[in-house]
Amino acid sequence: MKLPERFSNLPDYAFPRLRALLDRHSPCGDVVHMTIGEPRHPFPPFVAQILADHVDGFAKYPPNEGTPELRGAIADWTLRRYGVRVDADTQVMALNGTREGLFNAALALCPEDGRPVILTPNPFYQVYAVAALAVGAEPVYVPATAETGFLPDYAALPAEVLNRTRIAYLCSPANPQGVVADRAYWADLIRLAEKHDFIIFADECYSELYRDTPPPGALEVAAEIGADPERVVIFHSLSKRSNLPGLRSGFIAGGPRTIAEIKRLRAYAGAPLPLPLQRVAEACWADETHVEENRALYQAKYAAADEVFAGVPGYAPPQAGFFLWLPVPDGEEAALRVWTETGVRVLPGAYLSRDTAGGNPGAGYVRVALVAPQDEMTGGLTRLRKCLYG
């Protein structure tokens, strides 16, 4: 059976490619896994009790868009965090993880007229490109490099491309580079979207992991400049904020018309979160103590990474998130060398990027996830630095 033509040139996902690169070789020393962004800090202490108290909820079908209590907790959090009041009934929907939302929102919202364009940073979270292909759009990969401050310069695209653009993805704080889109960047992008009539998909799942200043949000800036709330859709998750990647709980928020269209599709194609897990999510969005404790652990990791890589040319301390984006001559060669000489497992940057006429902007990097316990992480970084930079 032949795959649809639009998926014929889709490369293998990053981690199967990594296994093919590394697993034929034996590591040297104790293995330190620093590839996948799977949080390993403790999740909130109240999770187990809430699950036990609501275990009978597994016997019921959960509401597709999230319980009123969960949507209310999300709306309350959005107001506390961003100063933006969203209606829990019409502007918020629970997700089974943000990846589901980032994909299905494109299915629900990308028009079929002409040859639509979907913009994505390059490098990027790979679901963006697959969503574009799934709706028959042309994915346009816009470099997010050191020269552009590691954020895509969408405004530099030709007017012909921008006029066909229907959706623009942006991750802030950025995966993999750890940079933050400031208020001016968001305001300029929102005005560009208004001028050319496209929607911004703001992937903000790393928003609560930062050094000192909370990253601004897309809906927050849209409200500040008086933009139409239908112009921006935000995506959030408990995976990083609350160290619950296995809970598969997130949310989407935006204008009422936008969310209504996404809800309509989800009624047919979505996978609602089981009721006991919705109760856990409700409690997580209502509590900030565990988030502050988690953030402090990452702040200590930032400090350790800055110390280990002090003096390394091109090292850019991450502003937020939990990845390092380390410059190397060749990402695949570096990942293989680090694995065979130190036992540290990192991801070649090219696996997160696409080849374009200007080259692959991730080829000269490796991504390093700061998710291991502090001592293990620091030891791994120290071995990595000695191997790659002397």
Protein backbone atom coordinates (compact mmCIF):
# COMPACT_ATOMS: atom_id res chain seq x y z
CA MET A 1 0.00 0.00 0.00
CA LYS A 2 1.44 3.33 -1.07
CA LEU A 3 1.49 6.31 1.27
CA PRO A 4 -0.16 9.54 0.10
CA GLU A 5 2.20 11.50 -2.12
CA ARG A 6 2.29 14.48 0.23
CA PHE A 7 4.02 12.32 2.87
CA SER A 8 6.47 10.64 0.51
CA ASN A 9 9.43 12.84 1.43
CA LEU A 10 8.74 12.90 5.14
CA PRO A 11 11.95 11.98 7.00
CA ASP A 12 11.94 9.50 9.85
CA TYR A 13 11.14 10.99 13.24
CA ALA A 14 14.14 12.24 15.22
CA PHE A 15 14.46 9.41 17.73
CA PRO A 16 14.33 6.45 15.32
CA ARG A 17 17.02 8.29 13.33
CA LEU A 18 19.05 8.70 16.49
CA ARG A 19 18.80 5.00 17.32
CA ALA A 20 19.95 4.13 13.81
CA LEU A 21 22.94 6.44 14.23
CA LEU A 22 24.05 5.40 17.71
CA ASP A 23 22.82 1.93 18.63
CA ARG A 24 25.28 0.08 16.38
CA HIS A 25 28.05 1.47 18.58
CA SER A 26 28.88 0.79 22.22
CA PRO A 27 28.97 3.72 24.62
CA CYS A 28 32.02 4.50 26.69
CA GLY A 29 31.30 4.98 30.39
CA ASP A 30 28.04 5.33 32.25
CA VAL A 31 25.18 6.31 29.97
CA VAL A 32 23.59 9.73 30.48
CA HIS A 33 20.40 10.29 28.46
CA MET A 34 20.12 13.92 27.33
CA THR A 35 18.08 13.57 24.14
CA ILE A 36 14.35 13.49 24.77
CA GLY A 37 12.64 16.34 26.60
CA GLU A 38 10.99 14.12 29.19
CA PRO A 39 10.92 15.89 32.58
CA ARG A 40 12.35 13.85 35.44
CA HIS A 41 11.66 16.17 38.37
CA PRO A 42 9.01 15.06 40.90
CA PHE A 43 5.41 15.66 39.89
CA PRO A 44 3.05 17.34 42.38
CA PRO A 45 2.55 15.37 45.61
CA PHE A 46 -1.25 15.60 45.45
CA VAL A 47 -1.57 13.71 42.17
CA ALA A 48 -1.82 10.18 43.57
CA GLN A 49 -4.52 11.03 46.10
CA ILE A 50 -6.66 12.83 43.52
CA LEU A 51 -6.43 9.83 41.22
CA ALA A 52 -7.45 7.51 44.05
CA ASP A 53 -10.35 9.74 45.05
CA HIS A 54 -11.72 9.85 41.50
CA VAL A 55 -10.85 6.39 40.18
CA ASP A 56 -14.55 5.64 39.60
CA GLY A 57 -14.43 8.25 36.83
CA PHE A 58 -12.77 5.67 34.57
CA ALA A 59 -16.21 4.06 34.30
CA LYS A 60 -17.66 7.12 32.55
CA TYR A 61 -17.21 8.81 29.21
CA PRO A 62 -15.45 12.14 29.82
CA PRO A 63 -16.71 15.39 28.30
CA ASN A 64 -14.95 16.00 25.01
CA GLU A 65 -13.97 19.61 25.62
CA GLY A 66 -13.04 19.17 29.31
CA THR A 67 -15.11 19.39 32.47
CA PRO A 68 -16.47 22.80 33.46
CA GLU A 69 -14.21 22.68 36.52
CA LEU A 70 -11.09 22.01 34.44
CA ARG A 71 -11.91 24.72 31.92
CA GLY A 72 -12.62 27.09 34.78
CA ALA A 73 -9.23 26.32 36.38
CA ILE A 74 -7.53 26.96 33.04
CA ALA A 75 -9.37 30.26 32.57
CA ASP A 76 -8.41 31.31 36.10
CA TRP A 77 -4.76 30.44 35.43
CA THR A 78 -4.75 32.38 32.16
CA LEU A 79 -6.04 35.44 34.02
CA ARG A 80 -3.43 35.10 36.78
CA ARG A 81 -0.55 34.40 34.43
CA TYR A 82 -1.29 36.77 31.56
CA GLY A 83 -3.94 39.16 32.81
CA VAL A 84 -6.23 37.94 30.03
CA ARG A 85 -9.79 36.90 30.83
CA VAL A 86 -11.01 34.10 28.57
CA ASP A 87 -14.48 32.60 28.72
CA ALA A 88 -14.24 29.03 30.04
CA ASP A 89 -17.21 27.90 27.96
CA THR A 90 -16.39 29.45 24.59
CA GLN A 91 -12.64 30.18 24.53
CA VAL A 92 -10.99 27.18 26.21
CA MET A 93 -10.80 23.49 25.37
CA ALA A 94 -8.87 20.74 27.12
CA LEU A 95 -6.43 18.72 25.03
CA ASN A 96 -4.98 15.25 25.21
CA GLY A 97 -1.51 16.80 25.12
CA THR A 98 -0.53 19.82 23.03
CA ARG A 99 0.68 17.71 20.10
CA GLU A 100 -2.93 16.68 19.45
CA GLY A 101 -4.03 20.31 19.47
CA LEU A 102 -1.19 21.61 17.32
CA PHE A 103 -2.09 19.03 14.67
CA ASN A 104 -5.89 19.08 14.80
CA ALA A 105 -6.16 22.86 14.97
CA ALA A 106 -4.56 23.00 11.52
CA LEU A 107 -7.12 20.49 10.23
CA ALA A 108 -9.94 22.59 11.64
CA LEU A 109 -8.72 26.03 10.63
CA CYS A 110 -6.69 25.86 7.43
CA PRO A 111 -8.82 26.78 4.40
CA GLU A 112 -8.54 24.70 1.25
CA ASP A 113 -8.72 27.56 -1.25
CA GLY A 114 -5.74 27.98 -3.55
CA ARG A 115 -2.42 26.64 -2.34
CA PRO A 116 -2.36 27.67 1.33
CA VAL A 117 0.94 28.19 3.13
CA ILE A 118 1.74 27.23 6.71
CA LEU A 119 4.83 28.89 8.18
CA THR A 120 7.09 27.12 10.63
CA PRO A 121 10.40 28.04 12.22
CA ASN A 122 13.36 25.92 11.16
CA PRO A 123 14.34 24.07 13.41
CA PHE A 124 10.96 23.22 14.92
CA TYR A 125 8.70 20.72 16.68
CA GLN A 126 8.03 18.21 13.93
CA VAL A 127 4.24 18.07 14.25
CA TYR A 128 4.05 21.52 12.63
CA ALA A 129 5.25 20.24 9.27
CA VAL A 130 3.15 17.09 9.37
CA ALA A 131 0.04 19.15 10.10
CA ALA A 132 0.80 21.34 7.08
CA LEU A 133 1.18 18.32 4.83
CA ALA A 134 -1.97 16.69 6.22
CA VAL A 135 -4.13 19.65 5.17
CA GLY A 136 -2.52 19.94 1.74
CA ALA A 137 -0.76 23.19 2.57
CA GLU A 138 2.72 24.18 1.49
CA PRO A 139 5.02 24.19 4.54
CA VAL A 140 7.46 27.08 4.38
CA TYR A 141 10.48 26.58 6.63
CA VAL A 142 11.83 29.91 7.88
CA PRO A 143 15.31 29.82 9.43
CA ALA A 144 15.58 30.59 13.13
CA THR A 145 19.32 31.04 13.44
CA ALA A 146 21.82 33.06 15.43
CA GLU A 147 21.57 35.76 12.75
CA THR A 148 17.81 36.14 13.41
CA GLY A 149 18.07 35.84 17.20
CA PHE A 150 16.94 32.19 16.90
CA LEU A 151 13.42 33.35 16.01
CA PRO A 152 12.00 33.26 12.47
CA ASP A 153 11.83 36.53 10.55
CA TYR A 154 8.42 35.97 8.99
CA ALA A 155 8.15 39.60 7.93
CA ALA A 156 11.09 39.13 5.54
CA LEU A 157 9.13 36.64 3.42
CA PRO A 158 7.84 37.76 -0.01
CA ALA A 159 4.37 39.28 -0.05
CA GLU A 160 3.24 36.48 -2.38
CA VAL A 161 4.02 33.91 0.34
CA LEU A 162 2.51 35.96 3.15
CA ASN A 163 -0.69 36.54 1.18
CA ARG A 164 -1.13 32.76 0.87
CA THR A 165 -0.27 32.12 4.51
CA ARG A 166 -3.11 30.78 6.62
CA ILE A 167 -1.27 29.66 9.78
CA ALA A 168 2.08 30.56 11.34
CA TYR A 169 3.50 28.39 14.10
CA LEU A 170 5.78 29.87 16.73
CA CYS A 171 7.22 28.20 19.82
CA SER A 172 8.19 30.57 22.64
CA PRO A 173 10.15 29.76 24.71
CA ALA A 174 11.69 28.08 21.70
CA ASN A 175 12.48 24.41 21.35
CA PRO A 176 15.39 23.81 20.80
CA GLN A 177 17.17 27.17 21.21
CA GLY A 178 15.67 28.36 24.52
CA VAL A 179 15.02 31.94 23.37
CA VAL A 180 11.94 33.98 24.25
CA ALA A 181 9.85 36.10 21.90
CA ASP A 182 9.54 39.47 23.62
CA ARG A 183 6.53 41.78 23.49
CA ALA A 184 7.82 43.67 20.48
CA TYR A 185 8.30 40.45 18.50
CA TRP A 186 4.79 39.22 19.33
CA ALA A 187 3.24 42.60 18.52
CA ASP A 188 5.00 42.75 15.15
CA LEU A 189 3.94 39.19 14.31
CA ILE A 190 0.32 39.85 15.29
CA ARG A 191 0.23 42.98 13.12
CA LEU A 192 1.75 41.00 10.25
CA ALA A 193 -0.99 38.36 10.72
CA GLU A 194 -3.64 41.08 10.63
CA LYS A 195 -2.17 42.60 7.47
CA HIS A 196 -2.01 39.27 5.60
CA ASP A 197 -4.99 37.58 7.28
CA PHE A 198 -3.47 34.50 8.92
CA ILE A 199 -3.72 32.90 12.36
CA ILE A 200 -0.84 32.50 14.81
CA PHE A 201 -0.47 29.15 16.57
CA ALA A 202 1.53 30.01 19.71
CA ASP A 203 3.12 26.89 21.18
CA GLU A 204 3.82 28.02 24.75
CA CYS A 205 4.36 24.70 26.50
CA TYR A 206 7.72 25.80 28.02
CA SER A 207 6.32 29.09 29.33
CA GLU A 208 6.76 28.31 33.05
CA LEU A 209 10.44 27.30 32.89
CA TYR A 210 12.56 30.44 32.84
CA ARG A 211 15.47 32.18 34.58
CA ASP A 212 13.85 35.22 36.19
CA THR A 213 11.31 37.03 33.98
CA PRO A 214 8.09 35.28 32.89
CA PRO A 215 7.93 35.09 29.09
CA PRO A 216 5.10 37.17 27.60
CA GLY A 217 2.27 35.26 25.94
CA ALA A 218 0.70 35.76 22.54
CA LEU A 219 -2.84 36.33 23.85
CA GLU A 220 -1.43 38.71 26.45
CA VAL A 221 0.23 40.89 23.80
CA ALA A 222 -2.80 40.63 21.50
CA ALA A 223 -4.95 42.05 24.30
CA GLU A 224 -2.41 44.80 25.02
CA ILE A 225 -2.41 46.04 21.42
CA GLY A 226 -6.15 45.61 20.92
CA ALA A 227 -5.91 42.83 18.33
CA ASP A 228 -8.80 40.53 17.48
CA PRO A 229 -8.57 37.49 19.81
CA GLU A 230 -9.43 35.31 16.80
CA ARG A 231 -5.99 36.14 15.41
CA VAL A 232 -4.11 34.07 18.04
CA VAL A 233 -4.46 30.53 19.38
CA ILE A 234 -2.32 29.44 22.34
CA PHE A 235 -1.34 25.91 23.36
CA HIS A 236 -0.22 24.92 26.85
CA SER A 237 0.64 21.69 28.63
CA LEU A 238 1.22 20.20 32.07
CA SER A 239 4.06 18.04 30.75
CA LYS A 240 6.84 20.53 31.50
CA ARG A 241 5.11 22.88 33.93
CA SER A 242 4.06 20.10 36.31
CA ASN A 243 6.42 17.24 35.28
CA LEU A 244 3.48 15.15 34.04
CA PRO A 245 4.31 14.14 30.46
CA GLY A 246 2.38 10.89 30.87
CA LEU A 247 -0.79 12.67 31.94
CA ARG A 248 -1.20 13.92 28.34
CA SER A 249 -3.04 17.01 29.46
CA GLY A 250 -2.98 20.43 27.91
CA PHE A 251 -5.30 23.11 26.61
CA ILE A 252 -5.99 25.42 23.72
CA ALA A 253 -7.41 28.94 24.04
CA GLY A 254 -8.34 31.60 21.53
CA GLY A 255 -11.27 33.49 20.07
CA PRO A 256 -14.78 32.00 20.36
CA ARG A 257 -15.18 31.36 16.62
CA THR A 258 -11.80 29.66 16.42
CA ILE A 259 -12.44 27.40 19.40
CA ALA A 260 -15.92 26.54 18.12
CA GLU A 261 -14.43 25.21 14.88
CA ILE A 262 -11.83 23.16 16.74
CA LYS A 263 -14.48 21.75 19.09
CA ARG A 264 -16.60 20.77 16.11
CA LEU A 265 -13.79 18.69 14.63
CA ARG A 266 -12.83 17.24 17.99
CA ALA A 267 -16.33 15.89 18.50
CA TYR A 268 -15.55 13.50 15.64
CA ALA A 269 -11.80 12.99 15.87
CA GLY A 270 -10.62 13.88 19.37
CA ALA A 271 -9.60 11.71 22.29
CA PRO A 272 -10.87 13.29 25.52
CA LEU A 273 -8.87 13.00 28.71
CA PRO A 274 -10.28 10.44 31.20
CA LEU A 275 -12.19 12.03 34.06
CA PRO A 276 -9.71 11.14 36.85
CA LEU A 277 -6.93 12.74 34.82
CA GLN A 278 -9.05 15.84 34.26
CA ARG A 279 -9.42 16.13 38.05
CA VAL A 280 -5.62 15.96 38.40
CA ALA A 281 -5.20 18.59 35.69
CA GLU A 282 -7.71 20.87 37.38
CA ALA A 283 -5.70 20.75 40.61
CA CYS A 284 -2.41 21.33 38.79
CA TRP A 285 -3.59 24.48 37.03
CA ALA A 286 -4.87 25.81 40.36
CA ASP A 287 -1.54 25.34 42.20
CA GLU A 288 1.64 27.37 41.72
CA THR A 289 3.76 26.06 44.61
CA HIS A 290 4.93 22.97 42.75
CA VAL A 291 5.62 25.07 39.65
CA GLU A 292 7.84 27.47 41.59
CA GLU A 293 9.76 24.54 43.09
CA ASN A 294 10.21 23.00 39.66
CA ARG A 295 11.38 26.29 38.19
CA ALA A 296 14.00 26.66 40.91
CA LEU A 297 15.46 23.26 39.98
CA TYR A 298 15.82 24.37 36.37
CA GLN A 299 17.32 27.69 37.39
CA ALA A 300 20.03 25.76 39.24
CA LYS A 301 20.60 23.71 36.08
CA TYR A 302 20.95 26.87 33.98
CA ALA A 303 23.65 28.07 36.38
CA ALA A 304 25.48 24.74 36.19
CA ALA A 305 25.35 24.71 32.38
CA ASP A 306 26.61 28.29 32.19
CA GLU A 307 29.56 27.35 34.40
CA VAL A 308 30.42 24.21 32.43
CA PHE A 309 30.30 25.96 29.05
CA ALA A 310 31.83 29.28 30.09
CA GLY A 311 34.23 30.40 27.38
CA VAL A 312 32.88 28.07 24.69
CA PRO A 313 32.58 30.12 21.47
CA GLY A 314 28.97 30.38 20.36
CA TYR A 315 27.47 29.08 23.60
CA ALA A 316 24.14 30.86 24.10
CA PRO A 317 22.74 30.50 27.63
CA PRO A 318 19.08 29.49 27.33
CA GLN A 319 16.59 32.11 28.49
CA ALA A 320 13.94 29.49 29.20
CA GLY A 321 12.90 25.89 28.60
CA PHE A 322 15.26 23.02 29.33
CA PHE A 323 17.42 22.57 26.25
CA LEU A 324 20.93 23.62 25.30
CA TRP A 325 21.57 24.32 21.62
CA LEU A 326 25.30 23.75 21.33
CA PRO A 327 27.32 24.74 18.23
CA VAL A 328 29.50 22.02 16.68
CA PRO A 329 31.04 21.51 13.22
CA ASP A 330 28.65 18.64 12.43
CA GLY A 331 25.77 17.54 14.66
CA GLU A 332 25.67 13.87 13.63
CA GLU A 333 29.41 13.48 13.91
CA ALA A 334 29.40 15.19 17.32
CA ALA A 335 26.54 13.06 18.69
CA LEU A 336 28.29 9.86 17.58
CA ARG A 337 31.61 10.98 19.03
CA VAL A 338 30.11 11.97 22.38
CA TRP A 339 28.27 8.64 22.57
CA THR A 340 31.27 6.44 21.79
CA GLU A 341 33.77 8.44 23.85
CA THR A 342 31.72 9.47 26.90
CA GLY A 343 28.38 7.58 26.98
CA VAL A 344 26.42 10.85 26.83
CA ARG A 345 23.48 10.67 24.43
CA VAL A 346 22.51 13.91 22.63
CA LEU A 347 20.43 14.72 19.55
CA PRO A 348 21.85 16.04 16.27
CA GLY A 349 20.26 19.38 15.48
CA ALA A 350 19.62 18.43 11.86
CA TYR A 351 17.03 15.91 13.06
CA LEU A 352 14.88 18.85 14.21
CA SER A 353 15.27 20.83 10.99
CA ARG A 354 14.57 20.59 7.27
CA ASP A 355 16.99 20.96 4.40
CA THR A 356 16.29 24.11 2.40
CA ALA A 357 18.00 25.99 -0.39
CA GLY A 358 20.00 27.76 2.29
CA GLY A 359 21.06 24.51 3.96
CA ASN A 360 19.93 22.82 7.16
CA PRO A 361 20.04 25.36 10.03
CA GLY A 362 20.34 22.62 12.65
CA ALA A 363 23.25 20.77 11.06
CA GLY A 364 25.86 22.61 13.09
CA TYR A 365 24.28 21.96 16.49
CA VAL A 366 23.38 19.30 19.01
CA ARG A 367 20.41 19.57 21.35
CA VAL A 368 20.98 18.66 24.97
CA ALA A 369 18.07 18.13 27.38
CA LEU A 370 18.65 19.28 30.97
CA VAL A 371 16.23 16.76 32.44
CA ALA A 372 18.45 14.35 34.38
CA PRO A 373 19.00 14.84 38.15
CA GLN A 374 21.38 17.71 38.88
CA ASP A 375 24.54 15.71 39.66
CA GLU A 376 24.01 13.33 36.73
CA MET A 377 23.30 16.22 34.40
CA THR A 378 26.34 18.23 35.50
CA GLY A 379 28.57 15.19 35.10
CA GLY A 380 27.20 14.55 31.63
CA LEU A 381 27.70 18.17 30.59
CA THR A 382 31.26 18.15 31.91
CA ARG A 383 32.11 15.04 29.90
CA LEU A 384 30.43 16.52 26.84
CA ARG A 385 32.36 19.77 27.10
CA LYS A 386 35.71 17.99 27.46
CA CYS A 387 34.93 15.74 24.48
CA LEU A 388 33.73 18.44 22.08
CA TYR A 389 35.51 21.61 23.17
CA GLY A 390 38.54 20.48 25.18
